[in-house]
C-alpha atoms as a PDB file:
ATOM      1  CA  MET A   1    -129.381-115.422 -48.540  1.00  0.00           C
ATOM      2  CA  ARG A   2    -132.291-114.180 -46.775  1.00  0.00           C
ATOM      3  CA  LYS A   3    -135.406-114.337 -48.503  1.00  0.00           C
ATOM      4  CA  ASN A   4    -135.712-110.689 -48.525  1.00  0.00           C
ATOM      5  CA  ASN A   5    -132.399-110.058 -50.422  1.00  0.00           C
ATOM      6  CA  LYS A   6    -133.532-112.167 -53.299  1.00  0.00           C
ATOM      7  CA  ILE A   7    -136.305-112.103 -56.136  1.00  0.00           C
ATOM      8  CA  VAL A   8    -139.039-114.487 -55.255  1.00  0.00           C
ATOM      9  CA  ASP A   9    -142.020-116.109 -57.257  1.00  0.00           C
ATOM     10  CA  SER A  10    -145.109-114.715 -55.165  1.00  0.00           C
ATOM     11  CA  VAL A  11    -146.021-112.339 -52.060  1.00  0.00           C
ATOM     12  CA  ILE A  12    -146.415-116.172 -50.386  1.00  0.00           C
ATOM     13  CA  ASP A  13    -143.003-117.010 -50.381  1.00  0.00           C
ATOM     14  CA  LEU A  14    -141.935-113.916 -48.183  1.00  0.00           C
ATOM     15  CA  ILE A  15    -143.859-115.787 -45.198  1.00  0.00           C
ATOM     16  CA  GLY A  16    -141.365-116.130 -42.130  1.00  0.00           C
ATOM     17  CA  GLU A  17    -138.210-115.228 -41.323  1.00  0.00           C
ATOM     18  CA  THR A  18    -139.166-112.293 -39.614  1.00  0.00           C
ATOM     19  CA  PRO A  19    -136.920-109.800 -37.664  1.00  0.00           C
ATOM     20  CA  MET A  20    -136.246-109.207 -34.069  1.00  0.00           C
ATOM     21  CA  VAL A  21    -135.628-105.996 -32.610  1.00  0.00           C
ATOM     22  CA  ARG A  22    -133.963-105.136 -28.955  1.00  0.00           C
ATOM     23  CA  LEU A  23    -136.375-103.309 -27.321  1.00  0.00           C
ATOM     24  CA  GLN A  24    -134.359-100.312 -25.435  1.00  0.00           C
ATOM     25  CA  LYS A  25    -136.262 -97.156 -24.516  1.00  0.00           C
ATOM     26  CA  ILE A  26    -139.406 -98.843 -23.217  1.00  0.00           C
ATOM     27  CA  THR A  27    -137.483-101.164 -21.141  1.00  0.00           C
ATOM     28  CA  ALA A  28    -135.757 -98.977 -19.284  1.00  0.00           C
ATOM     29  CA  GLY A  29    -135.098 -99.772 -15.453  1.00  0.00           C
ATOM     30  CA  PHE A  30    -136.502-103.584 -16.665  1.00  0.00           C
ATOM     31  CA  ASP A  31    -134.446-106.485 -15.360  1.00  0.00           C
ATOM     32  CA  GLY A  32    -133.254-108.877 -18.265  1.00  0.00           C
ATOM     33  CA  THR A  33    -132.988-108.399 -22.287  1.00  0.00           C
ATOM     34  CA  PHE A  34    -136.074-108.097 -24.240  1.00  0.00           C
ATOM     35  CA  LEU A  35    -136.641-109.135 -27.922  1.00  0.00           C
ATOM     36  CA  ALA A  36    -139.445-108.240 -29.789  1.00  0.00           C
ATOM     37  CA  LYS A  37    -140.151-111.023 -32.551  1.00  0.00           C
ATOM     38  CA  LEU A  38    -141.916-108.832 -35.372  1.00  0.00           C
ATOM     39  CA  GLU A  39    -144.737-110.960 -37.419  1.00  0.00           C
ATOM     40  CA  GLY A  40    -145.761-107.290 -39.098  1.00  0.00           C
ATOM     41  CA  PHE A  41    -142.911-108.104 -41.045  1.00  0.00           C
ATOM     42  CA  ASN A  42    -144.584-110.847 -42.987  1.00  0.00           C
ATOM     43  CA  PRO A  43    -146.461-109.697 -46.329  1.00  0.00           C
ATOM     44  CA  GLY A  44    -150.007-110.097 -45.109  1.00  0.00           C
ATOM     45  CA  HIS A  45    -148.816-108.045 -41.838  1.00  0.00           C
ATOM     46  CA  SER A  46    -148.989-111.006 -39.401  1.00  0.00           C
ATOM     47  CA  THR A  47    -147.957-113.928 -37.649  1.00  0.00           C
ATOM     48  CA  LYS A  48    -151.582-115.879 -39.395  1.00  0.00           C
ATOM     49  CA  ASP A  49    -149.572-115.673 -42.772  1.00  0.00           C
ATOM     50  CA  ARG A  50    -148.023-118.824 -41.409  1.00  0.00           C
ATOM     51  CA  ILE A  51    -150.785-120.866 -40.605  1.00  0.00           C
ATOM     52  CA  ALA A  52    -152.934-119.936 -43.360  1.00  0.00           C
ATOM     53  CA  LEU A  53    -150.008-120.873 -46.116  1.00  0.00           C
ATOM     54  CA  HIS A  54    -149.161-124.360 -44.193  1.00  0.00           C
ATOM     55  CA  ILE A  55    -152.850-125.374 -43.600  1.00  0.00           C
ATOM     56  CA  ILE A  56    -153.898-124.883 -47.095  1.00  0.00           C
ATOM     57  CA  GLU A  57    -150.760-126.433 -48.773  1.00  0.00           C
ATOM     58  CA  GLN A  58    -151.343-129.810 -46.536  1.00  0.00           C
ATOM     59  CA  ALA A  59    -155.113-129.699 -47.996  1.00  0.00           C
ATOM     60  CA  GLU A  60    -153.420-129.725 -51.772  1.00  0.00           C
ATOM     61  CA  LYS A  61    -151.049-132.581 -50.529  1.00  0.00           C
ATOM     62  CA  GLN A  62    -153.618-134.238 -49.391  1.00  0.00           C
ATOM     63  CA  GLY A  63    -155.932-133.879 -52.066  1.00  0.00           C
ATOM     64  CA  LEU A  64    -158.788-131.882 -50.132  1.00  0.00           C
ATOM     65  CA  LEU A  65    -158.217-128.905 -52.246  1.00  0.00           C
ATOM     66  CA  LYS A  66    -158.555-127.979 -56.587  1.00  0.00           C
ATOM     67  CA  PRO A  67    -158.669-124.935 -58.598  1.00  0.00           C
ATOM     68  CA  GLY A  68    -161.841-122.944 -58.255  1.00  0.00           C
ATOM     69  CA  ASP A  69    -162.468-124.405 -54.639  1.00  0.00           C
ATOM     70  CA  THR A  70    -163.491-122.799 -51.871  1.00  0.00           C
ATOM     71  CA  ILE A  71    -161.810-121.739 -48.638  1.00  0.00           C
ATOM     72  CA  ILE A  72    -164.094-121.002 -45.357  1.00  0.00           C
ATOM     73  CA  GLU A  73    -162.725-119.617 -42.305  1.00  0.00           C
ATOM     74  CA  THR A  74    -163.848-118.033 -39.013  1.00  0.00           C
ATOM     75  CA  THR A  75    -161.422-114.971 -37.757  1.00  0.00           C
ATOM     76  CA  SER A  76    -161.111-111.317 -36.020  1.00  0.00           C
ATOM     77  CA  GLY A  77    -159.325-109.985 -39.363  1.00  0.00           C
ATOM     78  CA  ASN A  78    -155.711-111.518 -39.228  1.00  0.00           C
ATOM     79  CA  THR A  79    -156.176-114.968 -40.375  1.00  0.00           C
ATOM     80  CA  GLY A  80    -158.563-114.130 -42.953  1.00  0.00           C
ATOM     81  CA  PHE A  81    -156.608-111.637 -44.101  1.00  0.00           C
ATOM     82  CA  SER A  82    -153.872-114.293 -45.010  1.00  0.00           C
ATOM     83  CA  VAL A  83    -155.957-116.798 -46.393  1.00  0.00           C
ATOM     84  CA  ALA A  84    -157.445-114.447 -48.695  1.00  0.00           C
ATOM     85  CA  MET A  85    -153.743-113.619 -49.668  1.00  0.00           C
ATOM     86  CA  VAL A  86    -152.476-117.171 -49.969  1.00  0.00           C
ATOM     87  CA  SER A  87    -156.267-117.762 -51.889  1.00  0.00           C
ATOM     88  CA  ILE A  88    -155.641-115.322 -54.687  1.00  0.00           C
ATOM     89  CA  ILE A  89    -151.886-116.721 -55.269  1.00  0.00           C
ATOM     90  CA  LYS A  90    -153.652-120.387 -55.410  1.00  0.00           C
ATOM     91  CA  GLY A  91    -156.814-119.542 -57.082  1.00  0.00           C
ATOM     92  CA  TYR A  92    -159.259-120.351 -54.539  1.00  0.00           C
ATOM     93  CA  GLU A  93    -162.388-118.496 -53.387  1.00  0.00           C
ATOM     94  CA  CYS A  94    -162.419-117.131 -50.147  1.00  0.00           C
ATOM     95  CA  ILE A  95    -165.074-117.092 -47.485  1.00  0.00           C
ATOM     96  CA  LEU A  96    -164.690-115.581 -43.676  1.00  0.00           C
ATOM     97  CA  ALA A  97    -166.821-115.097 -40.723  1.00  0.00           C
ATOM     98  CA  VAL A  98    -165.847-111.924 -39.201  1.00  0.00           C
ATOM     99  CA  SER A  99    -166.058-110.958 -35.669  1.00  0.00           C
ATOM    100  CA  SER A 100    -167.873-107.883 -35.395  1.00  0.00           C
ATOM    101  CA  LYS A 101    -165.530-107.377 -32.949  1.00  0.00           C
ATOM    102  CA  SER A 102    -162.882-106.449 -35.696  1.00  0.00           C
ATOM    103  CA  SER A 103    -161.840-103.504 -36.669  1.00  0.00           C
ATOM    104  CA  ALA A 104    -163.492-101.798 -39.865  1.00  0.00           C
ATOM    105  CA  ASP A 105    -159.791-101.341 -41.024  1.00  0.00           C
ATOM    106  CA  LYS A 106    -159.644-105.177 -40.935  1.00  0.00           C
ATOM    107  CA  ILE A 107    -162.959-105.873 -42.445  1.00  0.00           C
ATOM    108  CA  ASP A 108    -162.611-103.499 -45.512  1.00  0.00           C
ATOM    109  CA  MET A 109    -159.249-105.321 -46.260  1.00  0.00           C
ATOM    110  CA  LEU A 110    -160.681-108.286 -46.319  1.00  0.00           C
ATOM    111  CA  LYS A 111    -163.345-107.342 -48.922  1.00  0.00           C
ATOM    112  CA  SER A 112    -160.406-105.439 -50.561  1.00  0.00           C
ATOM    113  CA  MET A 113    -158.685-108.835 -50.593  1.00  0.00           C
ATOM    114  CA  GLY A 114    -161.861-110.139 -52.896  1.00  0.00           C
ATOM    115  CA  ALA A 115    -163.246-112.436 -50.029  1.00  0.00           C
ATOM    116  CA  LYS A 116    -166.755-112.718 -49.092  1.00  0.00           C
ATOM    117  CA  VAL A 117    -166.982-111.498 -45.576  1.00  0.00           C
ATOM    118  CA  TYR A 118    -170.156-112.549 -43.121  1.00  0.00           C
ATOM    119  CA  VAL A 119    -169.831-110.239 -40.029  1.00  0.00           C
ATOM    120  CA  CYS A 120    -171.145-112.255 -36.707  1.00  0.00           C
ATOM    121  CA  PRO A 121    -172.269-110.629 -33.242  1.00  0.00           C
ATOM    122  CA  ALA A 122    -169.139-111.041 -30.995  1.00  0.00           C
ATOM    123  CA  ASN A 123    -170.941-111.061 -27.890  1.00  0.00           C
ATOM    124  CA  VAL A 124    -172.922-114.464 -28.335  1.00  0.00           C
ATOM    125  CA  SER A 125    -172.018-118.090 -27.149  1.00  0.00           C
ATOM    126  CA  ALA A 126    -169.896-119.944 -29.446  1.00  0.00           C
ATOM    127  CA  ASP A 127    -172.694-122.565 -30.111  1.00  0.00           C
ATOM    128  CA  ASP A 128    -175.200-119.829 -30.734  1.00  0.00           C
ATOM    129  CA  PRO A 129    -176.008-119.987 -34.671  1.00  0.00           C
ATOM    130  CA  ARG A 130    -175.255-116.249 -35.234  1.00  0.00           C
ATOM    131  CA  SER A 131    -171.582-116.787 -33.775  1.00  0.00           C
ATOM    132  CA  TYR A 132    -169.098-117.133 -36.549  1.00  0.00           C
ATOM    133  CA  TYR A 133    -168.031-120.403 -35.444  1.00  0.00           C
ATOM    134  CA  GLN A 134    -171.616-121.737 -36.397  1.00  0.00           C
ATOM    135  CA  VAL A 135    -171.962-119.560 -39.447  1.00  0.00           C
ATOM    136  CA  ALA A 136    -168.755-121.069 -40.631  1.00  0.00           C
ATOM    137  CA  LYS A 137    -169.708-124.726 -39.897  1.00  0.00           C
ATOM    138  CA  ARG A 138    -173.002-123.917 -41.839  1.00  0.00           C
ATOM    139  CA  LEU A 139    -171.406-122.107 -45.028  1.00  0.00           C
ATOM    140  CA  HIS A 140    -169.078-125.174 -45.193  1.00  0.00           C
ATOM    141  CA  GLU A 141    -171.711-127.783 -45.050  1.00  0.00           C
ATOM    142  CA  GLU A 142    -173.619-125.904 -48.001  1.00  0.00           C
ATOM    143  CA  ILE A 143    -170.830-125.061 -50.306  1.00  0.00           C
ATOM    144  CA  LYS A 144    -169.801-128.325 -52.493  1.00  0.00           C
ATOM    145  CA  GLY A 145    -166.198-127.847 -52.882  1.00  0.00           C
ATOM    146  CA  SER A 146    -165.230-126.041 -49.872  1.00  0.00           C
ATOM    147  CA  ILE A 147    -162.754-126.707 -46.975  1.00  0.00           C
ATOM    148  CA  TYR A 148    -163.032-125.532 -43.549  1.00  0.00           C
ATOM    149  CA  ILE A 149    -159.884-124.536 -41.926  1.00  0.00           C
ATOM    150  CA  ASN A 150    -161.121-123.887 -38.531  1.00  0.00           C
ATOM    151  CA  GLN A 151    -157.946-122.644 -36.606  1.00  0.00           C
ATOM    152  CA  TYR A 152    -159.275-122.870 -32.934  1.00  0.00           C
ATOM    153  CA  PHE A 153    -159.380-126.955 -33.389  1.00  0.00           C
ATOM    154  CA  ASN A 154    -156.629-127.718 -36.173  1.00  0.00           C
ATOM    155  CA  HIS A 155    -153.172-129.142 -34.991  1.00  0.00           C
ATOM    156  CA  LEU A 156    -151.957-127.903 -37.969  1.00  0.00           C
ATOM    157  CA  ASN A 157    -152.050-124.158 -36.551  1.00  0.00           C
ATOM    158  CA  ILE A 158    -149.670-125.777 -33.766  1.00  0.00           C
ATOM    159  CA  ASP A 159    -147.082-127.337 -36.146  1.00  0.00           C
ATOM    160  CA  ALA A 160    -146.678-124.416 -38.532  1.00  0.00           C
ATOM    161  CA  HIS A 161    -145.168-122.653 -35.687  1.00  0.00           C
ATOM    162  CA  TYR A 162    -143.204-125.458 -34.562  1.00  0.00           C
ATOM    163  CA  GLN A 163    -141.948-126.068 -37.823  1.00  0.00           C
ATOM    164  CA  THR A 164    -141.184-121.973 -38.456  1.00  0.00           C
ATOM    165  CA  THR A 165    -141.470-120.047 -35.690  1.00  0.00           C
ATOM    166  CA  GLY A 166    -139.667-121.764 -33.048  1.00  0.00           C
ATOM    167  CA  PRO A 167    -136.479-122.485 -35.153  1.00  0.00           C
ATOM    168  CA  GLU A 168    -136.332-119.088 -35.981  1.00  0.00           C
ATOM    169  CA  ILE A 169    -136.260-117.911 -32.305  1.00  0.00           C
ATOM    170  CA  TRP A 170    -134.142-120.121 -31.384  1.00  0.00           C
ATOM    171  CA  GLU A 171    -131.550-119.349 -34.143  1.00  0.00           C
ATOM    172  CA  GLN A 172    -132.432-115.913 -33.981  1.00  0.00           C
ATOM    173  CA  THR A 173    -130.952-116.109 -30.093  1.00  0.00           C
ATOM    174  CA  GLU A 174    -128.323-118.504 -30.648  1.00  0.00           C
ATOM    175  CA  GLY A 175    -130.464-120.825 -27.984  1.00  0.00           C
ATOM    176  CA  LYS A 176    -130.120-118.043 -25.548  1.00  0.00           C
ATOM    177  CA  ILE A 177    -133.546-117.244 -25.108  1.00  0.00           C
ATOM    178  CA  THR A 178    -134.984-117.924 -21.523  1.00  0.00           C
ATOM    179  CA  HIS A 179    -138.429-116.632 -21.536  1.00  0.00           C
ATOM    180  CA  LEU A 180    -141.202-116.873 -24.387  1.00  0.00           C
ATOM    181  CA  VAL A 181    -144.225-114.090 -24.564  1.00  0.00           C
ATOM    182  CA  ALA A 182    -146.751-114.953 -26.623  1.00  0.00           C
ATOM    183  CA  CYS A 183    -150.716-114.058 -26.481  1.00  0.00           C
ATOM    184  CA  SER A 184    -152.955-116.970 -26.469  1.00  0.00           C
ATOM    185  CA  GLY A 185    -156.425-116.622 -28.757  1.00  0.00           C
ATOM    186  CA  THR A 186    -156.445-120.113 -31.147  1.00  0.00           C
ATOM    187  CA  GLY A 187    -153.406-121.252 -29.141  1.00  0.00           C
ATOM    188  CA  GLY A 188    -151.483-121.928 -32.484  1.00  0.00           C
ATOM    189  CA  THR A 189    -148.640-119.301 -31.764  1.00  0.00           C
ATOM    190  CA  ILE A 190    -147.755-119.735 -28.223  1.00  0.00           C
ATOM    191  CA  SER A 191    -148.158-123.746 -28.469  1.00  0.00           C
ATOM    192  CA  GLY A 192    -146.155-124.382 -31.395  1.00  0.00           C
ATOM    193  CA  THR A 193    -143.329-122.109 -30.953  1.00  0.00           C
ATOM    194  CA  ALA A 194    -143.569-123.247 -27.169  1.00  0.00           C
ATOM    195  CA  LYS A 195    -143.270-127.255 -28.312  1.00  0.00           C
ATOM    196  CA  TYR A 196    -140.257-126.533 -30.409  1.00  0.00           C
ATOM    197  CA  LEU A 197    -138.302-124.110 -27.757  1.00  0.00           C
ATOM    198  CA  LYS A 198    -138.450-126.982 -24.986  1.00  0.00           C
ATOM    199  CA  GLU A 199    -137.772-129.772 -27.010  1.00  0.00           C
ATOM    200  CA  GLN A 200    -134.040-127.357 -27.074  1.00  0.00           C
ATOM    201  CA  ASN A 201    -134.450-126.254 -23.479  1.00  0.00           C
ATOM    202  CA  PRO A 202    -137.322-127.632 -21.216  1.00  0.00           C
ATOM    203  CA  ASP A 203    -136.200-124.846 -18.726  1.00  0.00           C
ATOM    204  CA  ILE A 204    -137.643-122.055 -20.916  1.00  0.00           C
ATOM    205  CA  LYS A 205    -140.818-120.658 -19.398  1.00  0.00           C
ATOM    206  CA  ILE A 206    -143.565-120.219 -21.543  1.00  0.00           C
ATOM    207  CA  ILE A 207    -145.799-117.129 -20.523  1.00  0.00           C
ATOM    208  CA  GLY A 208    -149.205-116.786 -22.010  1.00  0.00           C
ATOM    209  CA  VAL A 209    -151.300-113.244 -22.261  1.00  0.00           C
ATOM    210  CA  ASP A 210    -155.534-113.730 -21.791  1.00  0.00           C
ATOM    211  CA  ALA A 211    -157.731-111.267 -21.265  1.00  0.00           C
ATOM    212  CA  TYR A 212    -160.440-110.113 -18.879  1.00  0.00           C
ATOM    213  CA  GLY A 213    -163.338-111.756 -20.244  1.00  0.00           C
ATOM    214  CA  SER A 214    -162.002-114.714 -21.528  1.00  0.00           C
ATOM    215  CA  VAL A 215    -161.620-118.131 -20.082  1.00  0.00           C
ATOM    216  CA  LEU A 216    -158.315-119.159 -20.835  1.00  0.00           C
ATOM    217  CA  LYS A 217    -156.031-118.010 -17.658  1.00  0.00           C
ATOM    218  CA  LYS A 218    -158.671-120.082 -15.414  1.00  0.00           C
ATOM    219  CA  TYR A 219    -158.720-123.338 -17.610  1.00  0.00           C
ATOM    220  CA  HIS A 220    -154.953-123.124 -17.481  1.00  0.00           C
ATOM    221  CA  GLU A 221    -154.920-123.263 -13.562  1.00  0.00           C
ATOM    222  CA  THR A 222    -157.798-125.264 -13.008  1.00  0.00           C
ATOM    223  CA  ARG A 223    -158.722-127.432 -16.246  1.00  0.00           C
ATOM    224  CA  GLU A 224    -162.538-126.239 -15.963  1.00  0.00           C
ATOM    225  CA  PHE A 225    -164.261-124.073 -18.026  1.00  0.00           C
ATOM    226  CA  ASP A 226    -166.140-121.299 -16.396  1.00  0.00           C
ATOM    227  CA  ALA A 227    -168.771-119.627 -18.469  1.00  0.00           C
ATOM    228  CA  GLU A 228    -168.778-116.976 -15.440  1.00  0.00           C
ATOM    229  CA  GLU A 229    -165.430-115.699 -16.734  1.00  0.00           C
ATOM    230  CA  ILE A 230    -167.206-114.374 -19.836  1.00  0.00           C
ATOM    231  CA  TYR A 231    -168.320-111.237 -20.831  1.00  0.00           C
ATOM    232  CA  PRO A 232    -167.641-108.675 -23.624  1.00  0.00           C
ATOM    233  CA  TYR A 233    -163.884-107.391 -24.447  1.00  0.00           C
ATOM    234  CA  ARG A 234    -162.670-105.160 -26.922  1.00  0.00           C
ATOM    235  CA  ILE A 235    -158.677-106.723 -27.704  1.00  0.00           C
ATOM    236  CA  GLU A 236    -158.837-108.477 -30.945  1.00  0.00           C
ATOM    237  CA  GLY A 237    -157.099-111.930 -31.323  1.00  0.00           C
ATOM    238  CA  LEU A 238    -156.540-112.551 -27.508  1.00  0.00           C
ATOM    239  CA  GLY A 239    -158.653-114.580 -25.118  1.00  0.00           C
ATOM    240  CA  LYS A 240    -161.538-116.823 -26.013  1.00  0.00           C
ATOM    241  CA  ASN A 241    -165.311-117.775 -24.899  1.00  0.00           C
ATOM    242  CA  LEU A 242    -164.379-121.563 -25.365  1.00  0.00           C
ATOM    243  CA  ILE A 243    -161.587-123.939 -25.178  1.00  0.00           C
ATOM    244  CA  PRO A 244    -159.665-124.333 -27.978  1.00  0.00           C
ATOM    245  CA  THR A 245    -157.384-127.587 -28.974  1.00  0.00           C
ATOM    246  CA  ALA A 246    -154.892-125.642 -30.643  1.00  0.00           C
ATOM    247  CA  THR A 247    -153.915-124.610 -27.403  1.00  0.00           C
ATOM    248  CA  ASP A 248    -151.554-127.045 -25.440  1.00  0.00           C
ATOM    249  CA  PHE A 249    -152.175-125.701 -21.735  1.00  0.00           C
ATOM    250  CA  ASP A 250    -149.703-128.541 -20.575  1.00  0.00           C
ATOM    251  CA  ILE A 251    -146.501-126.885 -22.367  1.00  0.00           C
ATOM    252  CA  ILE A 252    -147.511-123.320 -20.794  1.00  0.00           C
ATOM    253  CA  ASP A 253    -146.067-121.972 -17.373  1.00  0.00           C
ATOM    254  CA  ARG A 254    -148.242-119.559 -16.796  1.00  0.00           C
ATOM    255  CA  PHE A 255    -151.153-117.354 -18.159  1.00  0.00           C
ATOM    256  CA  VAL A 256    -151.179-113.356 -17.377  1.00  0.00           C
ATOM    257  CA  LYS A 257    -154.499-111.528 -17.863  1.00  0.00           C
ATOM    258  CA  VAL A 258    -154.019-107.549 -19.224  1.00  0.00           C
ATOM    259  CA  THR A 259    -157.077-105.009 -19.486  1.00  0.00           C
ATOM    260  CA  ASP A 260    -158.405-103.201 -22.632  1.00  0.00           C
ATOM    261  CA  GLU A 261    -157.443 -99.823 -21.385  1.00  0.00           C
ATOM    262  CA  GLU A 262    -153.739-101.020 -20.394  1.00  0.00           C
ATOM    263  CA  SER A 263    -153.460-102.647 -23.742  1.00  0.00           C
ATOM    264  CA  ALA A 264    -154.495-100.086 -25.879  1.00  0.00           C
ATOM    265  CA  HIS A 265    -152.362 -97.268 -24.329  1.00  0.00           C
ATOM    266  CA  THR A 266    -149.149 -99.576 -24.216  1.00  0.00           C
ATOM    267  CA  ALA A 267    -149.807-100.103 -28.112  1.00  0.00           C
ATOM    268  CA  ARG A 268    -149.378 -96.723 -28.621  1.00  0.00           C
ATOM    269  CA  MET A 269    -146.758 -95.980 -26.140  1.00  0.00           C
ATOM    270  CA  ILE A 270    -144.465 -98.640 -28.486  1.00  0.00           C
ATOM    271  CA  SER A 271    -145.251 -96.675 -31.193  1.00  0.00           C
ATOM    272  CA  LYS A 272    -144.217 -93.431 -29.922  1.00  0.00           C
ATOM    273  CA  GLU A 273    -141.516 -94.773 -27.883  1.00  0.00           C
ATOM    274  CA  GLU A 274    -139.640 -97.807 -29.990  1.00  0.00           C
ATOM    275  CA  ALA A 275    -141.316 -96.425 -33.361  1.00  0.00           C
ATOM    276  CA  LEU A 276    -142.433 -99.855 -34.051  1.00  0.00           C
ATOM    277  CA  PHE A 277    -146.323 -99.136 -35.384  1.00  0.00           C
ATOM    278  CA  VAL A 278    -147.911-102.254 -33.444  1.00  0.00           C
ATOM    279  CA  GLY A 279    -151.154-103.708 -33.307  1.00  0.00           C
ATOM    280  CA  TYR A 280    -153.501-103.771 -30.087  1.00  0.00           C
ATOM    281  CA  THR A 281    -152.448-107.626 -29.434  1.00  0.00           C
ATOM    282  CA  CYS A 282    -148.799-106.077 -29.381  1.00  0.00           C
ATOM    283  CA  GLY A 283    -149.796-104.015 -26.501  1.00  0.00           C
ATOM    284  CA  ALA A 284    -151.617-106.676 -24.659  1.00  0.00           C
ATOM    285  CA  ALA A 285    -148.046-108.756 -24.870  1.00  0.00           C
ATOM    286  CA  TRP A 286    -145.892-105.955 -23.825  1.00  0.00           C
ATOM    287  CA  GLN A 287    -148.735-105.027 -21.354  1.00  0.00           C
ATOM    288  CA  SER A 288    -147.869-108.573 -19.329  1.00  0.00           C
ATOM    289  CA  VAL A 289    -144.639-107.946 -19.401  1.00  0.00           C
ATOM    290  CA  ILE A 290    -145.218-104.531 -17.556  1.00  0.00           C
ATOM    291  CA  GLN A 291    -147.143-106.350 -15.193  1.00  0.00           C
ATOM    292  CA  LEU A 292    -144.148-109.266 -14.443  1.00  0.00           C
ATOM    293  CA  GLN A 293    -141.482-106.227 -13.927  1.00  0.00           C
ATOM    294  CA  LYS A 294    -143.726-104.942 -11.231  1.00  0.00           C
ATOM    295  CA  GLU A 295    -143.762-108.611  -9.685  1.00  0.00           C
ATOM    296  CA  SER A 296    -139.852-108.695  -9.870  1.00  0.00           C
ATOM    297  CA  TYR A 297    -140.415-111.752 -12.143  1.00  0.00           C
ATOM    298  CA  PHE A 298    -137.391-111.305 -14.551  1.00  0.00           C
ATOM    299  CA  LYS A 299    -133.622-111.661 -13.667  1.00  0.00           C
ATOM    300  CA  PRO A 300    -130.671-109.594 -15.480  1.00  0.00           C
ATOM    301  CA  SER A 301    -129.685-112.282 -17.071  1.00  0.00           C
ATOM    302  CA  ASP A 302    -133.097-113.491 -18.470  1.00  0.00           C
ATOM    303  CA  LEU A 303    -133.256-113.004 -22.560  1.00  0.00           C
ATOM    304  CA  VAL A 304    -136.939-112.738 -22.915  1.00  0.00           C
ATOM    305  CA  VAL A 305    -138.396-112.800 -26.314  1.00  0.00           C
ATOM    306  CA  ILE A 306    -142.096-111.210 -27.279  1.00  0.00           C
ATOM    307  CA  ILE A 307    -144.211-112.149 -29.972  1.00  0.00           C
ATOM    308  CA  PHE A 308    -145.675-109.067 -32.002  1.00  0.00           C
ATOM    309  CA  PRO A 309    -148.264-110.541 -33.659  1.00  0.00           C
ATOM    310  CA  ASP A 310    -149.677-107.590 -36.461  1.00  0.00           C
ATOM    311  CA  HIS A 311    -149.179-104.141 -37.096  1.00  0.00           C
ATOM    312  CA  GLY A 312    -150.607-100.998 -36.194  1.00  0.00           C
ATOM    313  CA  SER A 313    -152.186-100.309 -39.767  1.00  0.00           C
ATOM    314  CA  ARG A 314    -155.435-102.779 -38.911  1.00  0.00           C
ATOM    315  CA  TYR A 315    -156.492-100.534 -36.289  1.00  0.00           C
ATOM    316  CA  MET A 316    -156.309 -96.859 -37.475  1.00  0.00           C
ATOM    317  CA  SER A 317    -160.350 -96.822 -36.502  1.00  0.00           C
ATOM    318  CA  LYS A 318    -159.542 -98.281 -33.172  1.00  0.00           C
ATOM    319  CA  VAL A 319    -156.348 -98.398 -30.319  1.00  0.00           C
ATOM    320  CA  TYR A 320    -154.985 -95.128 -32.753  1.00  0.00           C
ATOM    321  CA  SER A 321    -157.938 -93.091 -33.190  1.00  0.00           C
ATOM    322  CA  ASP A 322    -158.320 -90.502 -30.700  1.00  0.00           C
ATOM    323  CA  LYS A 323    -162.327 -90.674 -31.200  1.00  0.00           C
ATOM    324  CA  TRP A 324    -162.568 -94.382 -30.065  1.00  0.00           C
ATOM    325  CA  MET A 325    -160.647 -94.242 -27.336  1.00  0.00           C
ATOM    326  CA  GLU A 326    -162.254 -91.452 -25.983  1.00  0.00           C
ATOM    327  CA  GLU A 327    -165.358 -93.308 -27.092  1.00  0.00           C
ATOM    328  CA  GLN A 328    -164.779 -95.756 -24.505  1.00  0.00           C
ATOM    329  CA  GLY A 329    -163.355 -94.009 -21.817  1.00  0.00           C
ATOM    330  CA  PHE A 330    -160.007 -94.999 -21.961  1.00  0.00           C
ATOM    331  CA  PHE A 331    -158.553 -91.290 -21.287  1.00  0.00           C
ATOM    332  CA  ASP A 332    -158.373 -89.533 -18.202  1.00  0.00           C
ATOM    333  CA  SER A 333    -155.961 -87.447 -16.470  1.00  0.00           C
ATOM    334  CA  GLN A 334    -153.018 -89.762 -16.601  1.00  0.00           C
ATOM    335  CA  ASN A 335    -153.880 -90.785 -20.391  1.00  0.00           C
ATOM    336  CA  GLU A 336    -155.061 -87.820 -22.289  1.00  0.00           C
ATOM    337  CA  VAL A 337    -155.842 -87.127 -25.923  1.00  0.00           C
ATOM    338  CA  SER A 338    -152.830 -87.263 -28.056  1.00  0.00           C
ATOM    339  CA  GLU A 339    -150.700 -83.663 -27.805  1.00  0.00           C
ATOM    340  CA  ASN A 340    -150.018 -84.103 -31.137  1.00  0.00           C
ATOM    341  CA  THR A 341    -152.530 -82.495 -32.893  1.00  0.00           C
ATOM    342  CA  ILE A 342    -153.241 -81.656 -36.518  1.00  0.00           C
ATOM    343  CA  GLN A 343    -153.060 -77.894 -37.424  1.00  0.00           C
ATOM    344  CA  PHE A 344    -154.778 -76.683 -40.683  1.00  0.00           C
ATOM    345  CA  LEU A 345    -153.346 -73.488 -42.413  1.00  0.00           C
END
């Protein structure tokens, strides 16, 4: 019996076993079959529920957490929400260092879940004392009885997806998957899922999605960290200005870079065409597929799984706001303000 068909003891029992849907309207003229793994169906509305629960439960098993202790994490918003959700159920305090790039919706959600939130400047180097990495480290050192999840450098990030996301995709596709497309930020989702899938079939191609302004694609290709690649960008939860050890670059076959603007419009297009209200990073994932299709990368026999990591409700003040889109200069003659205007009677 699937877990959504039975009564469970708490919301965290609903994590995982997310559905998969065949994309139809937005794939017209595409070669291959394209399936979206809808991680927004997790109770915390993102794939980060998986790592929050796994890492916290492993800490409990190791005796690193006791009731009333504090869990600290760096986050662009989704991991923070998941950590706060699990903390409520398990009785822990939650402190989050959040990037200022995170949407106001995400920050308000974190506060509503009882977390103490420190908003840190996004456009500073990783070793700057104001960065959310350094703020989280400092808080962990200062607060007795705390643990720092540190998702960017925690192998359990990979393990969570190796144990859950990978097996689910393999089972849902009956082992017929030929390609996995996943955004890479911490790298845990793509690395853990890919590890499992490659063990079942080493011919499966793993495609990582990166942002312009991030160092991941070039590092994958050259194994060199190039600080000149770094500049501000708007997509949340995608790309990095450092090299996370939670990314297994050897298991990824190639990276595709996408722009802020195209990813934003693509997210809106998915919502309108497929009735899937998806997040900004989901738009980035599908944008990479559009670019690969233009290269004639896929064959008609391919079965491509795209991980859609979160839900559009996290971006009401960003990609789903005409005002924000206009402020970013994302509307032009080809992409105009929504035709569906509100009429007051």
